[in-house]
Amino acid sequence: MVNRFVGLVVILAGVALAYSLVFTEFDQRVAFQWEFVNGDRVPVTHITCPSPWSVLNDGTQPEGVVSGDLCIKPARGQLVQGVGVVLLTLALGSWVLTRDPRRKALPPLPPSVRALLRNR
């Protein structure tokens, strides 16, 4: 009973983590990006990228003025991490689900060992 609960919790936690890695927006640090506000050049240090799934499948770009494809490389990394998390948690969760926690009795000692214990 406890093994089933723990196995399901492991699988659900892994799926939630993979979902957050693959299907939610993420912040990406950028360098050499500038925005003009009231004629002044202001550096942009972070941008919010769309979800890795939408970046890689739909070609979605971040909002605002940014140059280049700044979200593609980190989106690939997060997609690989999400797949890795799913595979790891499915393996670990299924192992916990199929494990038999009941302890079995030890086999009886061989006669030669029992004879040694009696001679003491």
C-alpha atoms as a PDB file:
ATOM      1  CA  MET A   1       0.000   0.000   0.000  1.00  0.00           C
ATOM      2  CA  VAL A   2       2.756   2.440   0.920  1.00  0.00           C
ATOM      3  CA  ASN A   3       4.787   1.453  -2.142  1.00  0.00           C
ATOM      4  CA  ARG A   4       1.885   2.259  -4.446  1.00  0.00           C
ATOM      5  CA  PHE A   5       1.421   5.647  -2.818  1.00  0.00           C
ATOM      6  CA  VAL A   6       5.140   6.480  -2.975  1.00  0.00           C
ATOM      7  CA  GLY A   7       5.389   5.265  -6.578  1.00  0.00           C
ATOM      8  CA  LEU A   8       2.439   7.374  -7.657  1.00  0.00           C
ATOM      9  CA  VAL A   9       3.780  10.429  -5.821  1.00  0.00           C
ATOM     10  CA  VAL A  10       7.158  10.024  -7.559  1.00  0.00           C
ATOM     11  CA  ILE A  11       5.511   9.731 -10.972  1.00  0.00           C
ATOM     12  CA  LEU A  12       3.182  12.686 -10.380  1.00  0.00           C
ATOM     13  CA  ALA A  13       6.031  14.873  -9.099  1.00  0.00           C
ATOM     14  CA  GLY A  14       8.109  13.998 -12.154  1.00  0.00           C
ATOM     15  CA  VAL A  15       5.253  14.771 -14.528  1.00  0.00           C
ATOM     16  CA  ALA A  16       4.637  18.116 -12.794  1.00  0.00           C
ATOM     17  CA  LEU A  17       8.326  19.030 -13.019  1.00  0.00           C
ATOM     18  CA  ALA A  18       8.484  18.010 -16.685  1.00  0.00           C
ATOM     19  CA  TYR A  19       5.350  20.042 -17.410  1.00  0.00           C
ATOM     20  CA  SER A  20       6.872  23.114 -15.792  1.00  0.00           C
ATOM     21  CA  LEU A  21      10.087  22.646 -17.781  1.00  0.00           C
ATOM     22  CA  VAL A  22       8.435  22.106 -21.173  1.00  0.00           C
ATOM     23  CA  PHE A  23       5.117  23.967 -21.172  1.00  0.00           C
ATOM     24  CA  THR A  24       5.664  27.151 -19.134  1.00  0.00           C
ATOM     25  CA  GLU A  25       7.430  30.431 -19.900  1.00  0.00           C
ATOM     26  CA  PHE A  26      10.975  30.918 -18.667  1.00  0.00           C
ATOM     27  CA  ASP A  27      13.344  33.822 -18.101  1.00  0.00           C
ATOM     28  CA  GLN A  28      16.517  33.943 -20.149  1.00  0.00           C
ATOM     29  CA  ARG A  29      19.491  36.130 -19.390  1.00  0.00           C
ATOM     30  CA  VAL A  30      20.705  38.114 -22.390  1.00  0.00           C
ATOM     31  CA  ALA A  31      23.705  40.261 -23.151  1.00  0.00           C
ATOM     32  CA  PHE A  32      24.127  43.112 -25.591  1.00  0.00           C
ATOM     33  CA  GLN A  33      20.414  43.841 -25.965  1.00  0.00           C
ATOM     34  CA  TRP A  34      19.276  47.426 -25.727  1.00  0.00           C
ATOM     35  CA  GLU A  35      15.910  49.131 -25.553  1.00  0.00           C
ATOM     36  CA  PHE A  36      15.281  52.819 -26.204  1.00  0.00           C
ATOM     37  CA  VAL A  37      13.107  54.562 -23.630  1.00  0.00           C
ATOM     38  CA  ASN A  38      12.530  58.300 -24.125  1.00  0.00           C
ATOM     39  CA  GLY A  39      15.590  58.497 -26.350  1.00  0.00           C
ATOM     40  CA  ASP A  40      17.865  56.824 -23.781  1.00  0.00           C
ATOM     41  CA  ARG A  41      19.496  53.479 -24.423  1.00  0.00           C
ATOM     42  CA  VAL A  42      18.612  51.066 -21.595  1.00  0.00           C
ATOM     43  CA  PRO A  43      20.212  47.615 -21.345  1.00  0.00           C
ATOM     44  CA  VAL A  44      17.914  44.597 -21.306  1.00  0.00           C
ATOM     45  CA  THR A  45      19.330  41.905 -19.001  1.00  0.00           C
ATOM     46  CA  HIS A  46      16.524  39.316 -19.063  1.00  0.00           C
ATOM     47  CA  ILE A  47      13.736  38.406 -21.436  1.00  0.00           C
ATOM     48  CA  THR A  48      10.748  36.170 -20.876  1.00  0.00           C
ATOM     49  CA  CYS A  49      10.707  33.428 -23.485  1.00  0.00           C
ATOM     50  CA  PRO A  50       7.542  31.523 -24.370  1.00  0.00           C
ATOM     51  CA  SER A  51       7.322  27.869 -23.432  1.00  0.00           C
ATOM     52  CA  PRO A  52       9.990  25.651 -24.990  1.00  0.00           C
ATOM     53  CA  TRP A  53       7.288  23.609 -26.699  1.00  0.00           C
ATOM     54  CA  SER A  54       5.867  26.653 -28.482  1.00  0.00           C
ATOM     55  CA  VAL A  55       9.332  27.992 -29.330  1.00  0.00           C
ATOM     56  CA  LEU A  56      10.428  24.765 -30.999  1.00  0.00           C
ATOM     57  CA  ASN A  57       7.111  23.723 -32.581  1.00  0.00           C
ATOM     58  CA  ASP A  58       5.471  27.013 -33.505  1.00  0.00           C
ATOM     59  CA  GLY A  59       8.518  29.267 -33.794  1.00  0.00           C
ATOM     60  CA  THR A  60       7.082  31.669 -31.225  1.00  0.00           C
ATOM     61  CA  GLN A  61       9.318  34.663 -30.434  1.00  0.00           C
ATOM     62  CA  PRO A  62       9.527  36.614 -27.171  1.00  0.00           C
ATOM     63  CA  GLU A  63       7.624  39.861 -26.878  1.00  0.00           C
ATOM     64  CA  GLY A  64       9.510  43.131 -27.092  1.00  0.00           C
ATOM     65  CA  VAL A  65      12.460  44.276 -29.095  1.00  0.00           C
ATOM     66  CA  VAL A  66      15.107  41.553 -29.126  1.00  0.00           C
ATOM     67  CA  SER A  67      17.399  40.531 -31.910  1.00  0.00           C
ATOM     68  CA  GLY A  68      18.209  36.971 -32.885  1.00  0.00           C
ATOM     69  CA  ASP A  69      16.764  33.695 -31.750  1.00  0.00           C
ATOM     70  CA  LEU A  70      17.671  33.990 -28.091  1.00  0.00           C
ATOM     71  CA  CYS A  71      15.171  31.403 -26.886  1.00  0.00           C
ATOM     72  CA  ILE A  72      15.880  28.451 -29.184  1.00  0.00           C
ATOM     73  CA  LYS A  73      19.014  27.060 -27.535  1.00  0.00           C
ATOM     74  CA  PRO A  74      17.743  27.234 -23.930  1.00  0.00           C
ATOM     75  CA  ALA A  75      14.363  25.868 -25.095  1.00  0.00           C
ATOM     76  CA  ARG A  76      16.102  22.807 -26.527  1.00  0.00           C
ATOM     77  CA  GLY A  77      17.938  22.312 -23.243  1.00  0.00           C
ATOM     78  CA  GLN A  78      14.742  22.547 -21.225  1.00  0.00           C
ATOM     79  CA  LEU A  79      12.983  20.134 -23.559  1.00  0.00           C
ATOM     80  CA  VAL A  80      15.798  17.604 -23.121  1.00  0.00           C
ATOM     81  CA  GLN A  81      15.651  18.099 -19.343  1.00  0.00           C
ATOM     82  CA  GLY A  82      11.883  17.537 -19.374  1.00  0.00           C
ATOM     83  CA  VAL A  83      12.234  14.306 -21.335  1.00  0.00           C
ATOM     84  CA  GLY A  84      15.021  13.166 -18.988  1.00  0.00           C
ATOM     85  CA  VAL A  85      12.904  13.902 -15.925  1.00  0.00           C
ATOM     86  CA  VAL A  86       9.966  11.949 -17.355  1.00  0.00           C
ATOM     87  CA  LEU A  87      12.124   8.937 -18.209  1.00  0.00           C
ATOM     88  CA  LEU A  88      13.856   8.956 -14.823  1.00  0.00           C
ATOM     89  CA  THR A  89      10.678   9.332 -12.796  1.00  0.00           C
ATOM     90  CA  LEU A  90       8.828   6.691 -14.813  1.00  0.00           C
ATOM     91  CA  ALA A  91      11.675   4.250 -14.245  1.00  0.00           C
ATOM     92  CA  LEU A  92      11.948   5.061 -10.538  1.00  0.00           C
ATOM     93  CA  GLY A  93       8.181   5.157  -9.985  1.00  0.00           C
ATOM     94  CA  SER A  94       7.561   1.870 -11.767  1.00  0.00           C
ATOM     95  CA  TRP A  95      10.395   0.241  -9.824  1.00  0.00           C
ATOM     96  CA  VAL A  96       8.848   1.396  -6.545  1.00  0.00           C
ATOM     97  CA  LEU A  97       5.391   0.265  -7.675  1.00  0.00           C
ATOM     98  CA  THR A  98       6.539  -3.233  -8.592  1.00  0.00           C
ATOM     99  CA  ARG A  99       8.827  -3.791  -5.612  1.00  0.00           C
ATOM    100  CA  ASP A 100       7.711  -6.326  -3.006  1.00  0.00           C
ATOM    101  CA  PRO A 101       8.410  -4.847   0.425  1.00  0.00           C
ATOM    102  CA  ARG A 102       7.515  -7.945   2.424  1.00  0.00           C
ATOM    103  CA  ARG A 103      10.468  -9.532   4.124  1.00  0.00           C
ATOM    104  CA  LYS A 104      10.781 -13.257   3.654  1.00  0.00           C
ATOM    105  CA  ALA A 105      12.131 -15.636   6.241  1.00  0.00           C
ATOM    106  CA  LEU A 106      15.797 -16.514   5.912  1.00  0.00           C
ATOM    107  CA  PRO A 107      16.523 -20.023   4.719  1.00  0.00           C
ATOM    108  CA  PRO A 108      17.617 -22.488   7.427  1.00  0.00           C
ATOM    109  CA  LEU A 109      21.326 -22.797   8.111  1.00  0.00           C
ATOM    110  CA  PRO A 110      23.133 -25.704   6.533  1.00  0.00           C
ATOM    111  CA  PRO A 111      23.741 -28.679   8.881  1.00  0.00           C
ATOM    112  CA  SER A 112      27.511 -28.042   8.955  1.00  0.00           C
ATOM    113  CA  VAL A 113      27.017 -24.519  10.306  1.00  0.00           C
ATOM    114  CA  ARG A 114      24.448 -25.703  12.835  1.00  0.00           C
ATOM    115  CA  ALA A 115      26.925 -28.310  14.042  1.00  0.00           C
ATOM    116  CA  LEU A 116      29.554 -25.609  14.556  1.00  0.00           C
ATOM    117  CA  LEU A 117      27.143 -23.580  16.652  1.00  0.00           C
ATOM    118  CA  ARG A 118      26.288 -26.599  18.830  1.00  0.00           C
ATOM    119  CA  ASN A 119      29.940 -27.399  19.526  1.00  0.00           C
ATOM    120  CA  ARG A 120      30.535 -24.098  21.263  1.00  0.00           C
END
